[in-house]
Amino acid sequence: MSDTPAIELRNINKSFGPVHANRDIDLVVKKGSIHGIVGENGAGKSTLMSILYGFYQADKGDVLVDGRKAHIGDSKTAISLGIGMVHQHFMLVDNFTVLENVILGAEGGPLLAGGVSKARQELKRLEDDYGLKVGVDELIEDLPVGLQQRVEILKALFRGAEILILDEPTGVLTPAEADHLFRILQVLKDEGKTVLLITHKLREIMAVTDTVSVMRRGEMVATRKTSETSMAELAELMVGRSVLLRVDKKPAHPKETVLDVSHLTVTDSRGVQVVKDVSFNVRAGEIVGIAGVSGNGQSELLETLAGIRKATSGKVTIEGATIDLAETHVDPAMMRDWNLGHVPEDRHRMGLVTGFAEYENAILGYHNDPTYSKGFLLDIPKIRDAAREEIEKYDIRPPDCLLKTANFSGGNQQKIVLAREMERDPTVLLVGQPTRGVDIGAIEFIHKRLIEMRDAGKGVLLVSVELDEIRGLADRVLVMFDGKIVGERSPETDESELGLLMAGAHGENA
């Protein structure tokens, strides 16, 4: 194999107004290797890959493909140079077949010169050669997410990709699907393809890559042979300080039941049952985790318990008082009055008003609390003082309660929401995706706060698509599949067993 790098980036710079997203980036990617790129959110990884794939153009610097300088003005040019990209959010047409999706956009290409039948033959060859079995005539909407991802890889290979960029490829996969993806990547590498893997999951980097590069604040700070580094070193390089990668907690001492959910069923706006006769409980002093692949009813379950979504049937009991969720008009304010806090899965859509200042977001939903009132008016100085205390306690940066929330990073926005809900001292805290889009340093902080809340005798119901997070934080794990709870396990349960439950192989089949 030639020693010429598959990709070489020299002195790449890219700014968006005052934000210097990429600063003097140099990167060499060896041909026929799997090269990982890691970094915190905002480190510049996605910007760099977008330059390579033609979404953005660098302000300064050179891109070399196979040793030759290339001006990649758009994704069509990138594809013509043999660069393919599998995006975090798939670019597929749901009511088209696999074959139709693969040839979409390549209609004028040489592979379609012989018609659709030739394309079908080529697609079946790619399926066989790379272990990417999908079924060329299957509709995308009928495929699970793991197979949809294979279609995206097939699309890139069909267009002749020799260099494949994968952006956070395992975010929607079960552990078994992720393992299968890694086997596919190994086959691609063995066939001489080059893979660029963008991920925040250090365990995956260690498992599958040959080389890993670390970005921090727009700069490339290190490149290591994977065999010569460790997760601890990579985390420290990403953050600039040592980071505790495991959740440090003592055994739970659960007491009385503080949340009891009985026969809860939820139907969505299409008339489809998304939560199906779900019953469980949460006790004081424990964290109950709900594991599952995204889209199996966890989001709807949390929203219903928080009073955002109407239940079809079912009851909830909080500290001994029971509410019929189908018969009673329930809203978030009512649930807050019942000492139930809620950290929503999507902080932008439900947790914050990003055009408001930090101190205004710090009392959202609690603005009628007499603590913050001066007669009929809000006591603004008192609200700002309380916000400053939360900023200090939760290490929110920058420490400015007058700053618009849009100007905080994702991790600090998440801390604003957590501080607002936790500081109200709820009996039960519902937490959805607590570290989604959050930097590794903030993840460590958030996990510590959740454990402190558990140890203070609160009940925590945690939903996360990150199985490592569920296993690290939870004292009991409930697994949801297709709207139902299909099993309860200890967090020490083998990952493969949990993965089978998440994929629907429950009961004796698991």
Protein backbone atom coordinates (compact mmCIF):
# COMPACT_ATOMS: atom_id res chain seq x y z
CA MET A 1 0.00 0.00 0.00
CA SER A 2 1.28 3.49 -0.89
CA ASP A 3 2.79 5.62 1.90
CA THR A 4 0.91 8.64 0.55
CA PRO A 5 -1.67 9.67 3.16
CA ALA A 6 -5.33 9.26 2.24
CA ILE A 7 -6.00 12.71 3.72
CA GLU A 8 -3.66 15.50 4.75
CA LEU A 9 -4.85 18.78 6.22
CA ARG A 10 -2.34 21.64 6.48
CA ASN A 11 -2.81 24.79 8.55
CA ILE A 12 -6.63 24.71 8.31
CA ASN A 13 -8.35 27.77 9.76
CA LYS A 14 -12.07 28.52 9.89
CA SER A 15 -13.91 31.30 11.72
CA PHE A 16 -17.57 32.12 12.14
CA GLY A 17 -17.61 35.79 13.06
CA PRO A 18 -15.59 36.14 16.28
CA VAL A 19 -15.52 32.36 16.88
CA HIS A 20 -12.30 30.71 15.65
CA ALA A 21 -13.67 27.16 15.16
CA ASN A 22 -10.50 25.66 13.62
CA ARG A 23 -7.08 27.12 14.34
CA ASP A 24 -3.95 26.03 12.41
CA ILE A 25 -5.09 22.41 12.15
CA ASP A 26 -2.65 19.81 10.80
CA LEU A 27 -3.83 16.23 10.35
CA VAL A 28 -2.45 13.22 8.50
CA VAL A 29 -4.68 10.18 7.98
CA LYS A 30 -2.93 7.01 6.85
CA LYS A 31 -4.45 5.10 3.96
CA GLY A 32 -6.22 1.88 4.95
CA SER A 33 -6.55 2.84 8.63
CA ILE A 34 -9.30 3.68 11.12
CA HIS A 35 -8.51 7.14 12.49
CA GLY A 36 -10.49 8.48 15.43
CA ILE A 37 -11.07 12.16 16.20
CA VAL A 38 -12.23 13.07 19.71
CA GLY A 39 -12.86 16.30 21.55
CA GLU A 40 -15.40 18.10 23.68
CA ASN A 41 -18.42 19.77 22.12
CA GLY A 42 -17.30 22.94 20.41
CA ALA A 43 -13.77 21.59 19.96
CA GLY A 44 -14.13 21.97 16.17
CA LYS A 45 -14.43 18.31 15.08
CA SER A 46 -17.63 18.72 13.05
CA THR A 47 -16.39 21.93 11.43
CA LEU A 48 -13.21 20.17 10.33
CA MET A 49 -15.13 17.24 8.85
CA SER A 50 -17.55 19.64 7.16
CA ILE A 51 -14.58 21.30 5.44
CA LEU A 52 -13.36 17.89 4.29
CA TYR A 53 -16.81 17.00 2.94
CA GLY A 54 -17.39 20.35 1.24
CA PHE A 55 -20.11 21.80 3.49
CA TYR A 56 -17.73 24.62 4.53
CA GLN A 57 -14.63 26.07 2.89
CA ALA A 58 -11.56 26.82 5.00
CA ASP A 59 -10.54 30.47 5.39
CA LYS A 60 -6.93 29.37 5.10
CA GLY A 61 -5.00 26.14 4.62
CA ASP A 62 -4.77 23.20 2.23
CA VAL A 63 -6.61 19.89 1.86
CA LEU A 64 -4.72 17.05 0.17
CA VAL A 65 -6.44 13.88 -1.02
CA ASP A 66 -4.09 11.06 -2.08
CA GLY A 67 -1.21 13.54 -2.03
CA ARG A 68 -2.85 16.05 -4.37
CA LYS A 69 -4.23 19.44 -3.35
CA ALA A 70 -8.01 19.56 -3.66
CA HIS A 71 -10.49 22.41 -3.59
CA ILE A 72 -13.63 20.81 -2.16
CA GLY A 73 -16.31 23.39 -2.87
CA ASP A 74 -19.29 21.13 -2.24
CA SER A 75 -20.20 17.55 -1.27
CA LYS A 76 -20.47 16.54 -4.94
CA THR A 77 -16.77 17.34 -5.34
CA ALA A 78 -15.98 15.39 -2.16
CA ILE A 79 -17.83 12.35 -3.53
CA SER A 80 -15.97 12.62 -6.84
CA LEU A 81 -12.71 12.50 -4.84
CA GLY A 82 -13.83 9.28 -3.14
CA ILE A 83 -14.95 10.83 0.16
CA GLY A 84 -18.24 9.63 1.67
CA MET A 85 -19.93 10.69 4.90
CA VAL A 86 -22.43 8.96 7.17
CA HIS A 87 -24.16 11.68 9.17
CA GLN A 88 -25.32 11.41 12.76
CA HIS A 89 -28.89 12.01 11.55
CA PHE A 90 -29.49 9.78 8.54
CA MET A 91 -30.25 11.36 5.14
CA LEU A 92 -32.80 8.80 3.92
CA VAL A 93 -36.28 8.98 2.38
CA ASP A 94 -38.51 6.84 4.60
CA ASN A 95 -41.02 5.73 1.96
CA PHE A 96 -38.35 4.80 -0.61
CA THR A 97 -36.75 1.35 -0.83
CA VAL A 98 -33.11 0.70 0.01
CA LEU A 99 -32.28 0.57 -3.71
CA GLU A 100 -34.11 3.84 -4.42
CA ASN A 101 -32.28 5.59 -1.57
CA VAL A 102 -28.90 4.31 -2.70
CA ILE A 103 -29.29 5.48 -6.30
CA LEU A 104 -30.96 8.78 -5.32
CA GLY A 105 -28.64 11.57 -6.41
CA ALA A 106 -26.49 9.22 -8.51
CA GLU A 107 -28.96 8.97 -11.40
CA GLY A 108 -26.54 10.42 -13.93
CA GLY A 109 -23.58 8.36 -12.78
CA PRO A 110 -21.85 5.54 -14.68
CA LEU A 111 -23.24 2.87 -12.35
CA LEU A 112 -26.74 3.62 -13.64
CA ALA A 113 -25.74 3.54 -17.31
CA GLY A 114 -27.00 -0.02 -17.52
CA GLY A 115 -30.22 0.80 -15.73
CA VAL A 116 -31.64 -0.09 -12.35
CA SER A 117 -30.91 -3.80 -12.77
CA LYS A 118 -27.18 -3.09 -12.97
CA ALA A 119 -27.43 -0.90 -9.87
CA ARG A 120 -29.27 -3.72 -8.09
CA GLN A 121 -26.48 -6.17 -8.93
CA GLU A 122 -23.83 -3.73 -7.70
CA LEU A 123 -25.72 -3.10 -4.46
CA LYS A 124 -26.05 -6.85 -3.80
CA ARG A 125 -22.31 -7.27 -4.44
CA LEU A 126 -21.54 -4.54 -1.89
CA GLU A 127 -23.90 -6.17 0.62
CA ASP A 128 -22.07 -9.50 0.22
CA ASP A 129 -18.51 -8.10 0.14
CA TYR A 130 -18.82 -5.96 3.26
CA GLY A 131 -21.33 -7.89 5.37
CA LEU A 132 -23.91 -5.13 4.94
CA LYS A 133 -27.00 -7.29 4.42
CA VAL A 134 -30.15 -5.16 4.35
CA GLY A 135 -32.47 -6.28 1.54
CA VAL A 136 -32.50 -4.03 -1.51
CA ASP A 137 -36.30 -3.87 -1.80
CA GLU A 138 -37.06 -3.14 1.86
CA LEU A 139 -38.69 0.19 2.69
CA ILE A 140 -36.52 2.42 4.90
CA GLU A 141 -39.42 3.03 7.31
CA ASP A 142 -39.62 -0.72 7.96
CA LEU A 143 -35.93 -1.02 8.92
CA PRO A 144 -34.52 -0.61 12.46
CA VAL A 145 -31.96 2.15 12.89
CA GLY A 146 -29.00 -0.24 12.76
CA LEU A 147 -29.97 -1.36 9.26
CA GLN A 148 -30.72 2.21 8.19
CA GLN A 149 -27.15 3.07 9.08
CA ARG A 150 -25.94 0.24 6.84
CA VAL A 151 -27.92 1.82 4.00
CA GLU A 152 -26.01 5.07 4.55
CA ILE A 153 -22.72 3.18 4.34
CA LEU A 154 -23.91 1.37 1.19
CA LYS A 155 -24.81 4.74 -0.35
CA ALA A 156 -21.26 5.97 0.16
CA LEU A 157 -19.68 2.75 -1.15
CA PHE A 158 -22.02 2.73 -4.18
CA ARG A 159 -20.65 6.15 -5.09
CA GLY A 160 -17.09 4.84 -4.94
CA ALA A 161 -16.01 6.07 -1.51
CA GLU A 162 -12.47 5.12 -0.52
CA ILE A 163 -12.54 7.44 2.51
CA LEU A 164 -15.53 7.15 4.85
CA ILE A 165 -16.35 9.73 7.54
CA LEU A 166 -18.68 8.53 10.33
CA ASP A 167 -20.09 11.17 12.68
CA GLU A 168 -21.13 9.76 16.10
CA PRO A 169 -22.21 6.49 14.45
CA THR A 170 -23.30 4.55 17.54
CA GLY A 171 -25.59 7.14 19.15
CA VAL A 172 -28.76 5.30 18.09
CA LEU A 173 -27.47 1.71 18.18
CA THR A 174 -27.81 -1.10 20.71
CA PRO A 175 -24.50 -2.55 21.99
CA ALA A 176 -24.90 -5.55 19.64
CA GLU A 177 -25.54 -3.26 16.65
CA ALA A 178 -22.49 -1.16 17.60
CA ASP A 179 -20.33 -4.30 17.77
CA HIS A 180 -21.59 -5.32 14.31
CA LEU A 181 -20.77 -1.85 12.97
CA PHE A 182 -17.22 -2.19 14.28
CA ARG A 183 -16.86 -5.53 12.49
CA ILE A 184 -18.03 -3.81 9.28
CA LEU A 185 -15.45 -1.04 9.78
CA GLN A 186 -12.73 -3.69 10.20
CA VAL A 187 -13.80 -5.31 6.92
CA LEU A 188 -13.69 -1.92 5.18
CA LYS A 189 -10.19 -1.37 6.55
CA ASP A 190 -9.07 -4.85 5.42
CA GLU A 191 -10.33 -3.98 1.92
CA GLY A 192 -8.08 -0.90 1.89
CA LYS A 193 -10.70 1.71 2.74
CA THR A 194 -9.88 4.58 5.10
CA VAL A 195 -12.28 5.38 7.96
CA LEU A 196 -12.50 8.63 9.94
CA LEU A 197 -14.48 8.03 13.15
CA ILE A 198 -15.86 11.04 15.04
CA THR A 199 -17.11 10.05 18.49
CA HIS A 200 -17.16 11.18 22.11
CA LYS A 201 -17.13 7.58 23.37
CA LEU A 202 -13.58 6.83 24.38
CA ARG A 203 -14.22 3.12 24.83
CA GLU A 204 -15.15 2.88 21.14
CA ILE A 205 -11.99 4.76 20.17
CA MET A 206 -9.90 2.26 22.13
CA ALA A 207 -11.76 -0.72 20.66
CA VAL A 208 -11.73 0.05 16.96
CA THR A 209 -9.19 2.73 15.90
CA ASP A 210 -5.52 2.52 14.89
CA THR A 211 -4.77 6.18 15.54
CA VAL A 212 -6.59 8.90 17.47
CA SER A 213 -6.32 12.68 17.26
CA VAL A 214 -7.56 14.97 20.03
CA MET A 215 -9.02 18.44 19.49
CA ARG A 216 -9.48 21.09 22.16
CA ARG A 217 -10.88 24.60 21.65
CA GLY A 218 -10.41 24.54 17.90
CA GLU A 219 -6.84 23.22 17.96
CA MET A 220 -5.34 19.80 17.34
CA VAL A 221 -3.54 19.11 20.62
CA ALA A 222 -2.31 15.53 20.15
CA THR A 223 -2.23 12.48 17.90
CA ARG A 224 -1.50 9.07 19.39
CA LYS A 225 -1.29 5.48 18.27
CA THR A 226 -4.31 3.97 20.00
CA SER A 227 -2.25 1.07 21.32
CA GLU A 228 0.04 3.56 23.08
CA THR A 229 -2.57 5.65 24.90
CA SER A 230 -5.44 5.18 27.38
CA MET A 231 -8.92 6.52 27.99
CA ALA A 232 -7.60 8.49 30.98
CA GLU A 233 -4.92 10.20 28.89
CA LEU A 234 -7.35 10.99 26.06
CA ALA A 235 -9.88 12.45 28.51
CA GLU A 236 -7.19 14.63 30.07
CA LEU A 237 -6.06 15.82 26.63
CA MET A 238 -9.66 16.66 25.70
CA VAL A 239 -10.42 18.65 28.86
CA GLY A 240 -7.02 19.94 29.90
CA ARG A 241 -7.18 18.31 33.35
CA SER A 242 -7.56 14.85 34.83
CA VAL A 243 -11.13 13.49 34.69
CA LEU A 244 -12.83 10.73 36.66
CA LEU A 245 -14.21 8.42 33.96
CA ARG A 246 -16.28 6.21 36.26
CA VAL A 247 -19.19 7.17 38.48
CA ASP A 248 -17.96 7.26 42.07
CA LYS A 249 -20.80 6.13 44.32
CA LYS A 250 -21.53 4.09 47.43
CA PRO A 251 -24.31 1.47 47.59
CA ALA A 252 -27.84 2.89 47.72
CA HIS A 253 -30.02 2.59 50.81
CA PRO A 254 -33.55 2.90 49.36
CA LYS A 255 -36.45 3.55 51.70
CA GLU A 256 -40.15 4.15 51.11
CA THR A 257 -41.70 4.35 47.62
CA VAL A 258 -41.99 7.98 46.50
CA LEU A 259 -43.20 7.40 42.92
CA ASP A 260 -45.51 4.59 41.87
CA VAL A 261 -46.68 4.32 38.26
CA SER A 262 -49.59 1.95 37.63
CA HIS A 263 -50.83 0.66 34.24
CA LEU A 264 -49.81 3.77 32.31
CA THR A 265 -50.80 3.87 28.63
CA VAL A 266 -50.12 6.81 26.31
CA THR A 267 -51.41 7.30 22.77
CA ASP A 268 -49.77 9.86 20.47
CA SER A 269 -51.40 12.31 18.04
CA ARG A 270 -51.46 9.63 15.31
CA GLY A 271 -53.51 7.29 17.50
CA VAL A 272 -50.52 4.99 18.06
CA GLN A 273 -49.88 3.57 21.53
CA VAL A 274 -46.36 4.67 22.47
CA VAL A 275 -46.47 3.62 26.15
CA LYS A 276 -48.22 0.32 26.80
CA ASP A 277 -49.50 -0.62 30.26
CA VAL A 278 -46.32 0.38 32.10
CA SER A 279 -46.01 -0.12 35.88
CA PHE A 280 -42.99 0.47 38.13
CA ASN A 281 -41.89 2.36 41.23
CA VAL A 282 -39.04 4.55 42.46
CA ARG A 283 -38.00 4.61 46.12
CA ALA A 284 -36.43 7.39 48.16
CA GLY A 285 -32.65 7.17 47.98
CA GLU A 286 -32.31 5.33 44.67
CA ILE A 287 -31.80 6.02 40.98
CA VAL A 288 -33.95 3.94 38.64
CA GLY A 289 -32.60 3.97 35.08
CA ILE A 290 -34.65 3.30 31.97
CA ALA A 291 -32.51 1.85 29.19
CA GLY A 292 -33.60 1.49 25.60
CA VAL A 293 -32.89 2.50 22.05
CA SER A 294 -34.27 5.97 21.31
CA GLY A 295 -37.89 5.90 20.13
CA ASN A 296 -39.22 3.08 22.31
CA GLY A 297 -41.53 5.17 24.50
CA GLN A 298 -39.09 6.54 27.08
CA SER A 299 -39.55 10.16 26.00
CA GLU A 300 -43.34 9.92 26.06
CA LEU A 301 -43.21 8.24 29.48
CA LEU A 302 -41.19 11.10 31.00
CA GLU A 303 -43.33 13.79 29.36
CA THR A 304 -46.52 12.17 30.69
CA LEU A 305 -45.17 11.94 34.25
CA ALA A 306 -44.06 15.58 34.00
CA GLY A 307 -47.59 16.68 33.05
CA ILE A 308 -46.68 17.68 29.50
CA ARG A 309 -48.47 14.86 27.68
CA LYS A 310 -51.96 13.43 28.32
CA ALA A 311 -52.26 9.78 29.38
CA THR A 312 -54.84 7.43 27.87
CA SER A 313 -55.05 5.50 31.13
CA GLY A 314 -53.06 4.93 34.30
CA LYS A 315 -52.37 6.37 37.74
CA VAL A 316 -49.35 7.86 39.46
CA THR A 317 -48.79 8.03 43.21
CA ILE A 318 -46.33 10.55 44.64
CA GLU A 319 -45.58 10.34 48.37
CA GLY A 320 -48.81 8.42 48.96
CA ALA A 321 -51.16 10.75 47.04
CA THR A 322 -52.67 9.27 43.87
CA ILE A 323 -53.59 11.03 40.60
CA ASP A 324 -55.58 9.45 37.78
CA LEU A 325 -53.61 10.79 34.81
CA ALA A 326 -56.43 10.07 32.34
CA GLU A 327 -59.23 11.64 34.38
CA THR A 328 -57.46 14.61 35.98
CA HIS A 329 -56.37 17.70 34.06
CA VAL A 330 -52.64 17.49 34.73
CA ASP A 331 -50.07 20.10 33.75
CA PRO A 332 -46.38 20.73 34.63
CA ALA A 333 -47.27 23.35 37.26
CA MET A 334 -49.46 20.82 39.07
CA MET A 335 -46.69 18.20 39.05
CA ARG A 336 -44.19 20.76 40.37
CA ASP A 337 -46.62 21.50 43.20
CA TRP A 338 -46.51 17.76 43.96
CA ASN A 339 -42.72 18.05 44.48
CA LEU A 340 -41.78 16.52 41.14
CA GLY A 341 -38.87 18.14 39.27
CA HIS A 342 -38.19 17.58 35.58
CA VAL A 343 -35.00 17.96 33.54
CA PRO A 344 -36.30 17.50 29.96
CA GLU A 345 -34.49 15.56 27.25
CA ASP A 346 -34.34 18.57 24.92
CA ARG A 347 -33.14 21.58 26.89
CA HIS A 348 -33.65 23.97 23.97
CA ARG A 349 -37.20 22.93 23.13
CA MET A 350 -38.49 22.43 26.68
CA GLY A 351 -35.94 23.48 29.29
CA LEU A 352 -34.84 26.99 28.36
CA VAL A 353 -35.81 30.18 26.58
CA THR A 354 -32.44 30.91 25.02
CA GLY A 355 -33.28 34.56 24.34
CA PHE A 356 -33.77 35.12 28.09
CA ALA A 357 -30.96 35.96 30.49
CA GLU A 358 -29.58 33.25 32.76
CA TYR A 359 -31.36 34.59 35.85
CA GLU A 360 -34.71 34.56 34.02
CA ASN A 361 -34.23 30.92 33.00
CA ALA A 362 -33.23 30.12 36.59
CA ILE A 363 -36.84 30.66 37.75
CA LEU A 364 -38.80 29.39 34.72
CA GLY A 365 -41.83 27.51 36.01
CA TYR A 366 -41.16 28.76 39.55
CA HIS A 367 -41.78 32.46 38.87
CA ASN A 368 -44.99 32.40 40.98
CA ASP A 369 -43.03 31.31 44.04
CA PRO A 370 -43.62 33.99 46.73
CA THR A 371 -39.88 33.86 47.44
CA TYR A 372 -39.31 35.83 44.24
CA SER A 373 -42.16 38.33 44.65
CA LYS A 374 -42.37 41.87 45.98
CA GLY A 375 -46.12 42.44 46.14
CA PHE A 376 -47.47 41.98 42.63
CA LEU A 377 -44.03 42.34 41.06
CA LEU A 378 -41.03 40.05 40.72
CA ASP A 379 -38.18 40.87 43.06
CA ILE A 380 -35.47 41.09 40.38
CA PRO A 381 -32.50 41.77 42.73
CA LYS A 382 -33.47 38.73 44.83
CA ILE A 383 -33.84 36.54 41.70
CA ARG A 384 -30.41 37.63 40.47
CA ASP A 385 -28.82 36.95 43.86
CA ALA A 386 -30.34 33.42 43.88
CA ALA A 387 -29.12 32.87 40.31
CA ARG A 388 -25.58 33.94 41.28
CA GLU A 389 -25.61 31.41 44.14
CA GLU A 390 -26.63 28.63 41.72
CA ILE A 391 -23.95 29.73 39.24
CA GLU A 392 -21.30 29.36 41.93
CA LYS A 393 -22.66 26.08 43.31
CA TYR A 394 -23.01 24.44 39.89
CA ASP A 395 -19.84 25.95 38.39
CA ILE A 396 -21.77 27.58 35.52
CA ARG A 397 -19.46 29.42 33.12
CA PRO A 398 -19.21 32.27 32.38
CA PRO A 399 -20.44 33.32 35.86
CA ASP A 400 -22.76 36.02 34.56
CA CYS A 401 -26.47 35.83 35.41
CA LEU A 402 -27.24 38.72 33.00
CA LEU A 403 -25.86 36.88 29.95
CA LYS A 404 -28.35 35.49 27.45
CA THR A 405 -28.65 31.73 27.83
CA ALA A 406 -27.97 31.26 24.09
CA ASN A 407 -24.40 32.40 24.76
CA PHE A 408 -23.62 29.54 27.16
CA SER A 409 -22.17 26.22 25.93
CA GLY A 410 -24.41 23.11 25.88
CA GLY A 411 -22.89 21.78 29.09
CA ASN A 412 -23.45 25.04 30.95
CA GLN A 413 -27.00 25.33 29.59
CA GLN A 414 -27.64 21.86 31.00
CA LYS A 415 -26.26 22.95 34.38
CA ILE A 416 -28.68 25.91 34.39
CA VAL A 417 -31.62 23.51 33.98
CA LEU A 418 -30.26 21.05 36.56
CA ALA A 419 -29.64 23.82 39.08
CA ARG A 420 -33.17 25.19 38.65
CA GLU A 421 -34.81 21.80 39.23
CA MET A 422 -32.48 20.38 41.90
CA GLU A 423 -32.39 23.51 44.05
CA ARG A 424 -36.18 23.31 44.50
CA ASP A 425 -35.54 20.17 46.58
CA PRO A 426 -38.05 17.90 44.78
CA THR A 427 -39.07 14.56 46.26
CA VAL A 428 -38.82 12.98 42.80
CA LEU A 429 -36.58 14.13 39.95
CA LEU A 430 -37.24 13.05 36.36
CA VAL A 431 -34.09 13.37 34.25
CA GLY A 432 -34.00 12.85 30.49
CA GLN A 433 -30.63 12.44 28.71
CA PRO A 434 -28.73 14.36 31.44
CA THR A 435 -25.46 14.55 29.48
CA ARG A 436 -26.66 14.73 25.86
CA GLY A 437 -24.35 17.07 23.95
CA VAL A 438 -22.35 17.77 27.12
CA ASP A 439 -18.57 17.99 27.49
CA ILE A 440 -16.71 15.24 29.33
CA GLY A 441 -15.83 17.56 32.25
CA ALA A 442 -19.46 18.61 32.69
CA ILE A 443 -20.54 14.95 32.49
CA GLU A 444 -18.39 14.20 35.54
CA PHE A 445 -19.99 17.14 37.42
CA ILE A 446 -23.59 16.22 36.49
CA HIS A 447 -23.13 12.58 37.50
CA LYS A 448 -21.75 13.67 40.87
CA ARG A 449 -24.77 15.94 41.49
CA LEU A 450 -27.26 13.16 40.66
CA ILE A 451 -25.55 10.80 43.11
CA GLU A 452 -25.61 13.52 45.79
CA MET A 453 -29.34 13.93 45.24
CA ARG A 454 -29.88 10.18 45.61
CA ASP A 455 -27.81 10.15 48.79
CA ALA A 456 -29.95 13.01 50.16
CA GLY A 457 -32.94 10.63 50.05
CA LYS A 458 -34.57 11.71 46.81
CA GLY A 459 -36.00 9.41 44.15
CA VAL A 460 -34.49 9.82 40.68
CA LEU A 461 -35.93 8.42 37.45
CA LEU A 462 -33.25 8.54 34.77
CA VAL A 463 -33.73 8.06 31.02
CA SER A 464 -30.62 7.83 28.84
CA VAL A 465 -29.69 6.21 25.53
CA GLU A 466 -26.12 5.88 26.86
CA LEU A 467 -25.98 2.39 28.34
CA ASP A 468 -22.71 3.16 30.15
CA GLU A 469 -24.41 6.10 31.85
CA ILE A 470 -27.39 3.98 32.93
CA ARG A 471 -25.14 1.24 34.29
CA GLY A 472 -22.90 3.76 36.06
CA LEU A 473 -25.64 5.79 37.75
CA ALA A 474 -28.64 3.50 38.25
CA ASP A 475 -29.30 1.23 41.22
CA ARG A 476 -31.98 -0.63 39.22
CA VAL A 477 -32.32 -0.80 35.43
CA LEU A 478 -35.66 -1.08 33.62
CA VAL A 479 -35.47 -1.83 29.90
CA MET A 480 -38.06 -0.43 27.49
CA PHE A 481 -38.83 -1.85 24.06
CA ASP A 482 -41.79 -0.95 21.86
CA GLY A 483 -43.48 1.03 24.62
CA LYS A 484 -43.29 -1.73 27.24
CA ILE A 485 -40.99 -2.50 30.15
CA VAL A 486 -39.54 -5.83 29.07
CA GLY A 487 -37.26 -6.51 32.02
CA GLU A 488 -35.68 -5.28 35.23
CA ARG A 489 -31.99 -5.92 35.83
CA SER A 490 -29.13 -4.97 38.10
CA PRO A 491 -26.68 -2.41 36.66
CA GLU A 492 -24.01 -5.13 36.93
CA THR A 493 -25.89 -7.20 34.33
CA ASP A 494 -23.79 -8.11 31.32
CA GLU A 495 -24.02 -5.49 28.57
CA SER A 496 -24.91 -8.09 25.96
CA GLU A 497 -27.93 -9.24 28.00
CA LEU A 498 -29.14 -5.65 28.35
CA GLY A 499 -28.54 -5.18 24.63
CA LEU A 500 -30.72 -8.19 23.81
CA LEU A 501 -33.53 -6.79 25.96
CA MET A 502 -33.16 -3.39 24.26
CA ALA A 503 -33.49 -5.14 20.90
CA GLY A 504 -36.70 -6.90 21.92
CA ALA A 505 -35.30 -10.36 22.70
CA HIS A 506 -36.93 -10.46 26.11
CA GLY A 507 -38.28 -13.17 28.35
CA GLU A 508 -36.87 -16.63 27.72
CA ASN A 509 -35.36 -15.46 24.41
CA ALA A 510 -32.91 -13.21 26.28
